[in-house]
Amino acid sequence: MNALLRRFRRDSNGIAATEFALIAPILILLLMASVEFPRALGMSQNVTRAARTVADLVARGGGADMDDVYAAAAAVAAPYDISGADLVIIAAGVYKNGTALSAKVCSAYARKGTAKKAGVALGEAPPAFAKDKARYLVVEMSVRYPVIFSAFPYSRDITFERSIRWPVRQGDSVNGDAEIVLPGGNACPKA
């Protein structure tokens, strides 16, 4: 029995196969991660660009045809498919509430998402728009990431969500101020 153990200890046949069997899973995971991570990062950046594109186009008064706005966002997000994206656009107004400034929904548009109702409070006005009667847009975009390798349990349900606040650049003149009125919505009330 001792002779058999000594011979087994000195025998080097099959060591390369054993080492490969130990290292191969790690190498395969590294390969999958080196493909998946750059794709996810690229899609994340393109979703941000698409949301900013929607915000900019609508803020310039281009919200009349939302299909064209969405098509422009899809072109910016290419080569990634955002056709299943939830998109909510909110035209918000800032109102003086005592000494605080609060934002409310004036009009909203949703594509595969849920639009907020007019008059719903959005909370405190963002610092960039903290001025009575200020108008701005909020674009919320949510896109599910299509995973190539589902070996990583956490990677099956990745969703990129962006919320962009954008100033109104052009729009209809309402109460003396430039304002965006989204399809099916109304202008912001005076007070």
C-alpha atoms as a PDB file:
ATOM      1  CA  MET A   1       0.000   0.000   0.000  1.00  0.00           C
ATOM      2  CA  ASN A   2       2.828   2.440   0.820  1.00  0.00           C
ATOM      3  CA  ALA A   3       4.491   1.661  -2.494  1.00  0.00           C
ATOM      4  CA  LEU A   4       1.288   2.459  -4.331  1.00  0.00           C
ATOM      5  CA  LEU A   5       0.969   5.837  -2.576  1.00  0.00           C
ATOM      6  CA  ARG A   6       4.606   6.719  -3.331  1.00  0.00           C
ATOM      7  CA  ARG A   7       4.168   5.837  -6.986  1.00  0.00           C
ATOM      8  CA  PHE A   8       0.952   7.900  -7.184  1.00  0.00           C
ATOM      9  CA  ARG A   9       2.693  10.887  -5.643  1.00  0.00           C
ATOM     10  CA  ARG A  10       5.582  10.753  -8.139  1.00  0.00           C
ATOM     11  CA  ASP A  11       3.415  10.097 -11.202  1.00  0.00           C
ATOM     12  CA  SER A  12       2.969  13.314 -13.284  1.00  0.00           C
ATOM     13  CA  ASN A  13       0.677  11.932 -16.003  1.00  0.00           C
ATOM     14  CA  GLY A  14      -2.577  13.937 -16.240  1.00  0.00           C
ATOM     15  CA  ILE A  15      -1.371  16.985 -14.302  1.00  0.00           C
ATOM     16  CA  ALA A  16      -2.016  19.334 -17.252  1.00  0.00           C
ATOM     17  CA  ALA A  17      -5.568  18.018 -17.641  1.00  0.00           C
ATOM     18  CA  THR A  18      -6.209  18.483 -13.922  1.00  0.00           C
ATOM     19  CA  GLU A  19      -4.836  22.030 -13.974  1.00  0.00           C
ATOM     20  CA  PHE A  20      -6.929  22.853 -17.024  1.00  0.00           C
ATOM     21  CA  ALA A  21     -10.044  21.449 -15.353  1.00  0.00           C
ATOM     22  CA  LEU A  22      -9.421  23.734 -12.384  1.00  0.00           C
ATOM     23  CA  ILE A  23      -8.686  26.879 -14.414  1.00  0.00           C
ATOM     24  CA  ALA A  24     -11.112  26.451 -17.358  1.00  0.00           C
ATOM     25  CA  PRO A  25     -14.266  27.624 -15.512  1.00  0.00           C
ATOM     26  CA  ILE A  26     -12.506  30.802 -14.433  1.00  0.00           C
ATOM     27  CA  LEU A  27     -11.257  31.461 -17.969  1.00  0.00           C
ATOM     28  CA  ILE A  28     -14.727  30.863 -19.412  1.00  0.00           C
ATOM     29  CA  LEU A  29     -16.275  33.285 -16.900  1.00  0.00           C
ATOM     30  CA  LEU A  30     -13.636  35.895 -17.791  1.00  0.00           C
ATOM     31  CA  LEU A  31     -14.408  35.430 -21.485  1.00  0.00           C
ATOM     32  CA  MET A  32     -18.150  35.831 -20.916  1.00  0.00           C
ATOM     33  CA  ALA A  33     -17.606  38.895 -18.732  1.00  0.00           C
ATOM     34  CA  SER A  34     -15.293  40.449 -21.335  1.00  0.00           C
ATOM     35  CA  VAL A  35     -18.150  40.244 -23.840  1.00  0.00           C
ATOM     36  CA  GLU A  36     -21.092  41.070 -21.559  1.00  0.00           C
ATOM     37  CA  PHE A  37     -19.670  43.990 -19.573  1.00  0.00           C
ATOM     38  CA  PRO A  38     -18.721  46.213 -22.564  1.00  0.00           C
ATOM     39  CA  ARG A  39     -22.131  45.524 -24.160  1.00  0.00           C
ATOM     40  CA  ALA A  40     -23.921  46.508 -20.955  1.00  0.00           C
ATOM     41  CA  LEU A  41     -21.805  49.627 -20.567  1.00  0.00           C
ATOM     42  CA  GLY A  42     -22.424  50.624 -24.198  1.00  0.00           C
ATOM     43  CA  MET A  43     -26.164  50.101 -23.884  1.00  0.00           C
ATOM     44  CA  SER A  44     -26.238  52.073 -20.634  1.00  0.00           C
ATOM     45  CA  GLN A  45     -24.523  55.013 -22.305  1.00  0.00           C
ATOM     46  CA  ASN A  46     -26.791  54.835 -25.346  1.00  0.00           C
ATOM     47  CA  VAL A  47     -29.929  54.758 -23.165  1.00  0.00           C
ATOM     48  CA  THR A  48     -28.685  57.942 -21.500  1.00  0.00           C
ATOM     49  CA  ARG A  49     -28.062  59.528 -24.913  1.00  0.00           C
ATOM     50  CA  ALA A  50     -31.509  58.445 -26.128  1.00  0.00           C
ATOM     51  CA  ALA A  51     -33.248  59.937 -23.080  1.00  0.00           C
ATOM     52  CA  ARG A  52     -31.313  63.197 -23.486  1.00  0.00           C
ATOM     53  CA  THR A  53     -32.213  63.258 -27.187  1.00  0.00           C
ATOM     54  CA  VAL A  54     -35.908  62.892 -26.374  1.00  0.00           C
ATOM     55  CA  ALA A  55     -35.645  65.663 -23.782  1.00  0.00           C
ATOM     56  CA  ASP A  56     -33.827  68.018 -26.154  1.00  0.00           C
ATOM     57  CA  LEU A  57     -36.151  67.433 -29.104  1.00  0.00           C
ATOM     58  CA  VAL A  58     -39.282  67.914 -27.035  1.00  0.00           C
ATOM     59  CA  ALA A  59     -37.792  70.949 -25.260  1.00  0.00           C
ATOM     60  CA  ARG A  60     -37.271  72.601 -28.642  1.00  0.00           C
ATOM     61  CA  GLY A  61     -40.991  72.340 -29.303  1.00  0.00           C
ATOM     62  CA  GLY A  62     -40.790  69.113 -31.275  1.00  0.00           C
ATOM     63  CA  GLY A  63     -43.284  67.178 -29.200  1.00  0.00           C
ATOM     64  CA  ALA A  64     -46.087  67.357 -31.751  1.00  0.00           C
ATOM     65  CA  ASP A  65     -45.157  64.044 -33.354  1.00  0.00           C
ATOM     66  CA  MET A  66     -43.889  61.725 -30.655  1.00  0.00           C
ATOM     67  CA  ASP A  67     -43.288  58.921 -33.169  1.00  0.00           C
ATOM     68  CA  ASP A  68     -40.574  61.027 -34.809  1.00  0.00           C
ATOM     69  CA  VAL A  69     -39.049  61.829 -31.401  1.00  0.00           C
ATOM     70  CA  TYR A  70     -39.033  58.145 -30.482  1.00  0.00           C
ATOM     71  CA  ALA A  71     -37.511  57.235 -33.860  1.00  0.00           C
ATOM     72  CA  ALA A  72     -34.710  59.744 -33.246  1.00  0.00           C
ATOM     73  CA  ALA A  73     -34.086  58.204 -29.813  1.00  0.00           C
ATOM     74  CA  ALA A  74     -33.966  54.736 -31.373  1.00  0.00           C
ATOM     75  CA  ALA A  75     -31.439  55.974 -33.950  1.00  0.00           C
ATOM     76  CA  VAL A  76     -29.249  57.408 -31.199  1.00  0.00           C
ATOM     77  CA  ALA A  77     -29.452  54.164 -29.204  1.00  0.00           C
ATOM     78  CA  ALA A  78     -28.420  52.032 -32.193  1.00  0.00           C
ATOM     79  CA  PRO A  79     -27.119  49.346 -32.417  1.00  0.00           C
ATOM     80  CA  TYR A  80     -29.077  48.538 -29.250  1.00  0.00           C
ATOM     81  CA  ASP A  81     -32.809  47.904 -29.537  1.00  0.00           C
ATOM     82  CA  ILE A  82     -34.934  50.191 -27.356  1.00  0.00           C
ATOM     83  CA  SER A  83     -38.258  49.374 -29.030  1.00  0.00           C
ATOM     84  CA  GLY A  84     -39.499  47.887 -25.751  1.00  0.00           C
ATOM     85  CA  ALA A  85     -38.510  50.916 -23.697  1.00  0.00           C
ATOM     86  CA  ASP A  86     -40.893  52.521 -21.245  1.00  0.00           C
ATOM     87  CA  LEU A  87     -40.874  56.242 -21.934  1.00  0.00           C
ATOM     88  CA  VAL A  88     -42.603  58.901 -19.856  1.00  0.00           C
ATOM     89  CA  ILE A  89     -42.268  62.605 -20.634  1.00  0.00           C
ATOM     90  CA  ILE A  90     -43.496  65.161 -18.133  1.00  0.00           C
ATOM     91  CA  ALA A  91     -43.869  68.888 -18.707  1.00  0.00           C
ATOM     92  CA  ALA A  92     -43.455  70.365 -15.236  1.00  0.00           C
ATOM     93  CA  GLY A  93     -44.111  73.761 -13.760  1.00  0.00           C
ATOM     94  CA  VAL A  94     -42.607  75.303 -10.634  1.00  0.00           C
ATOM     95  CA  TYR A  95     -44.910  77.069  -8.202  1.00  0.00           C
ATOM     96  CA  LYS A  96     -44.320  79.070  -5.059  1.00  0.00           C
ATOM     97  CA  ASN A  97     -45.744  77.252  -2.044  1.00  0.00           C
ATOM     98  CA  GLY A  98     -45.248  79.617   0.867  1.00  0.00           C
ATOM     99  CA  THR A  99     -41.481  80.063   0.976  1.00  0.00           C
ATOM    100  CA  ALA A 100     -40.711  76.799  -0.844  1.00  0.00           C
ATOM    101  CA  LEU A 101     -40.804  76.091  -4.555  1.00  0.00           C
ATOM    102  CA  SER A 102     -42.540  72.905  -5.617  1.00  0.00           C
ATOM    103  CA  ALA A 103     -42.922  71.264  -9.010  1.00  0.00           C
ATOM    104  CA  LYS A 104     -46.144  69.888 -10.439  1.00  0.00           C
ATOM    105  CA  VAL A 105     -47.059  67.952 -13.559  1.00  0.00           C
ATOM    106  CA  CYS A 106     -48.604  70.183 -16.228  1.00  0.00           C
ATOM    107  CA  SER A 107     -48.952  67.565 -18.945  1.00  0.00           C
ATOM    108  CA  ALA A 108     -47.509  64.108 -19.530  1.00  0.00           C
ATOM    109  CA  TYR A 109     -47.039  61.617 -22.329  1.00  0.00           C
ATOM    110  CA  ALA A 110     -46.267  57.923 -21.995  1.00  0.00           C
ATOM    111  CA  ARG A 111     -45.205  55.262 -24.430  1.00  0.00           C
ATOM    112  CA  LYS A 112     -45.334  51.809 -22.804  1.00  0.00           C
ATOM    113  CA  GLY A 113     -45.186  53.495 -19.426  1.00  0.00           C
ATOM    114  CA  THR A 114     -47.601  55.192 -17.050  1.00  0.00           C
ATOM    115  CA  ALA A 115     -48.119  58.922 -17.475  1.00  0.00           C
ATOM    116  CA  LYS A 116     -48.619  61.030 -14.366  1.00  0.00           C
ATOM    117  CA  LYS A 117     -51.810  63.027 -14.109  1.00  0.00           C
ATOM    118  CA  ALA A 118     -51.782  66.795 -14.392  1.00  0.00           C
ATOM    119  CA  GLY A 119     -51.470  68.543 -11.053  1.00  0.00           C
ATOM    120  CA  VAL A 120     -49.576  65.720  -9.341  1.00  0.00           C
ATOM    121  CA  ALA A 121     -46.779  67.068  -7.152  1.00  0.00           C
ATOM    122  CA  LEU A 122     -43.252  66.129  -8.184  1.00  0.00           C
ATOM    123  CA  GLY A 123     -41.715  67.380  -4.962  1.00  0.00           C
ATOM    124  CA  GLU A 124     -39.256  70.167  -4.462  1.00  0.00           C
ATOM    125  CA  ALA A 125     -38.133  71.929  -7.614  1.00  0.00           C
ATOM    126  CA  PRO A 126     -34.647  70.902  -8.787  1.00  0.00           C
ATOM    127  CA  PRO A 127     -32.010  73.576  -8.023  1.00  0.00           C
ATOM    128  CA  ALA A 128     -31.505  74.362 -11.707  1.00  0.00           C
ATOM    129  CA  PHE A 129     -35.189  75.265 -12.023  1.00  0.00           C
ATOM    130  CA  ALA A 130     -35.800  76.787  -8.575  1.00  0.00           C
ATOM    131  CA  LYS A 131     -37.578  79.895  -9.820  1.00  0.00           C
ATOM    132  CA  ASP A 132     -41.279  80.672  -9.615  1.00  0.00           C
ATOM    133  CA  LYS A 133     -43.081  79.869 -12.897  1.00  0.00           C
ATOM    134  CA  ALA A 134     -40.075  77.983 -14.283  1.00  0.00           C
ATOM    135  CA  ARG A 135     -40.863  75.254 -16.802  1.00  0.00           C
ATOM    136  CA  TYR A 136     -38.864  72.123 -17.475  1.00  0.00           C
ATOM    137  CA  LEU A 137     -39.189  68.597 -18.799  1.00  0.00           C
ATOM    138  CA  VAL A 138     -38.621  65.289 -17.080  1.00  0.00           C
ATOM    139  CA  VAL A 139     -37.890  62.318 -19.326  1.00  0.00           C
ATOM    140  CA  GLU A 140     -37.976  58.908 -17.695  1.00  0.00           C
ATOM    141  CA  MET A 141     -36.750  56.007 -19.800  1.00  0.00           C
ATOM    142  CA  SER A 142     -36.520  52.391 -18.735  1.00  0.00           C
ATOM    143  CA  VAL A 143     -34.960  49.715 -20.977  1.00  0.00           C
ATOM    144  CA  ARG A 144     -34.438  46.033 -20.186  1.00  0.00           C
ATOM    145  CA  TYR A 145     -30.943  44.785 -21.048  1.00  0.00           C
ATOM    146  CA  PRO A 146     -30.915  41.607 -23.198  1.00  0.00           C
ATOM    147  CA  VAL A 147     -28.271  39.381 -21.652  1.00  0.00           C
ATOM    148  CA  ILE A 148     -26.223  37.139 -23.947  1.00  0.00           C
ATOM    149  CA  PHE A 149     -24.852  34.840 -21.258  1.00  0.00           C
ATOM    150  CA  SER A 150     -27.277  34.075 -18.465  1.00  0.00           C
ATOM    151  CA  ALA A 151     -24.669  32.206 -16.428  1.00  0.00           C
ATOM    152  CA  PHE A 152     -24.505  35.076 -13.965  1.00  0.00           C
ATOM    153  CA  PRO A 153     -27.663  34.907 -11.821  1.00  0.00           C
ATOM    154  CA  TYR A 154     -27.747  38.661 -11.179  1.00  0.00           C
ATOM    155  CA  SER A 155     -27.555  39.519 -14.881  1.00  0.00           C
ATOM    156  CA  ARG A 156     -30.959  38.180 -15.920  1.00  0.00           C
ATOM    157  CA  ASP A 157     -32.958  41.183 -14.747  1.00  0.00           C
ATOM    158  CA  ILE A 158     -30.877  44.235 -15.596  1.00  0.00           C
ATOM    159  CA  THR A 159     -32.906  47.313 -16.434  1.00  0.00           C
ATOM    160  CA  PHE A 160     -31.384  50.661 -17.279  1.00  0.00           C
ATOM    161  CA  GLU A 161     -33.480  53.525 -15.920  1.00  0.00           C
ATOM    162  CA  ARG A 162     -32.778  57.147 -16.662  1.00  0.00           C
ATOM    163  CA  SER A 163     -34.486  60.278 -15.400  1.00  0.00           C
ATOM    164  CA  ILE A 164     -33.408  63.438 -17.209  1.00  0.00           C
ATOM    165  CA  ARG A 165     -34.463  66.964 -16.285  1.00  0.00           C
ATOM    166  CA  TRP A 166     -34.206  69.421 -19.169  1.00  0.00           C
ATOM    167  CA  PRO A 167     -35.007  73.126 -19.591  1.00  0.00           C
ATOM    168  CA  VAL A 168     -37.701  74.244 -22.008  1.00  0.00           C
ATOM    169  CA  ARG A 169     -35.897  75.872 -24.932  1.00  0.00           C
ATOM    170  CA  GLN A 170     -38.751  76.794 -27.224  1.00  0.00           C
ATOM    171  CA  GLY A 171     -42.420  76.133 -27.135  1.00  0.00           C
ATOM    172  CA  ASP A 172     -45.829  77.714 -27.118  1.00  0.00           C
ATOM    173  CA  SER A 173     -46.117  81.066 -25.420  1.00  0.00           C
ATOM    174  CA  VAL A 174     -48.484  80.526 -22.515  1.00  0.00           C
ATOM    175  CA  ASN A 175     -49.028  83.288 -19.965  1.00  0.00           C
ATOM    176  CA  GLY A 176     -45.995  85.059 -21.428  1.00  0.00           C
ATOM    177  CA  ASP A 177     -43.609  82.128 -20.899  1.00  0.00           C
ATOM    178  CA  ALA A 178     -42.314  79.442 -23.267  1.00  0.00           C
ATOM    179  CA  GLU A 179     -43.953  76.173 -22.397  1.00  0.00           C
ATOM    180  CA  ILE A 180     -44.224  72.667 -23.796  1.00  0.00           C
ATOM    181  CA  VAL A 181     -47.697  71.198 -23.957  1.00  0.00           C
ATOM    182  CA  LEU A 182     -47.469  67.471 -24.587  1.00  0.00           C
ATOM    183  CA  PRO A 183     -49.992  65.674 -26.813  1.00  0.00           C
ATOM    184  CA  GLY A 184     -53.313  65.275 -25.057  1.00  0.00           C
ATOM    185  CA  GLY A 185     -52.300  67.673 -22.283  1.00  0.00           C
ATOM    186  CA  ASN A 186     -52.936  71.243 -21.250  1.00  0.00           C
ATOM    187  CA  ALA A 187     -50.740  74.205 -20.425  1.00  0.00           C
ATOM    188  CA  CYS A 188     -49.597  74.736 -16.870  1.00  0.00           C
ATOM    189  CA  PRO A 189     -52.087  76.647 -14.740  1.00  0.00           C
ATOM    190  CA  LYS A 190     -51.165  80.183 -13.686  1.00  0.00           C
ATOM    191  CA  ALA A 191     -50.893  79.382  -9.973  1.00  0.00           C
END
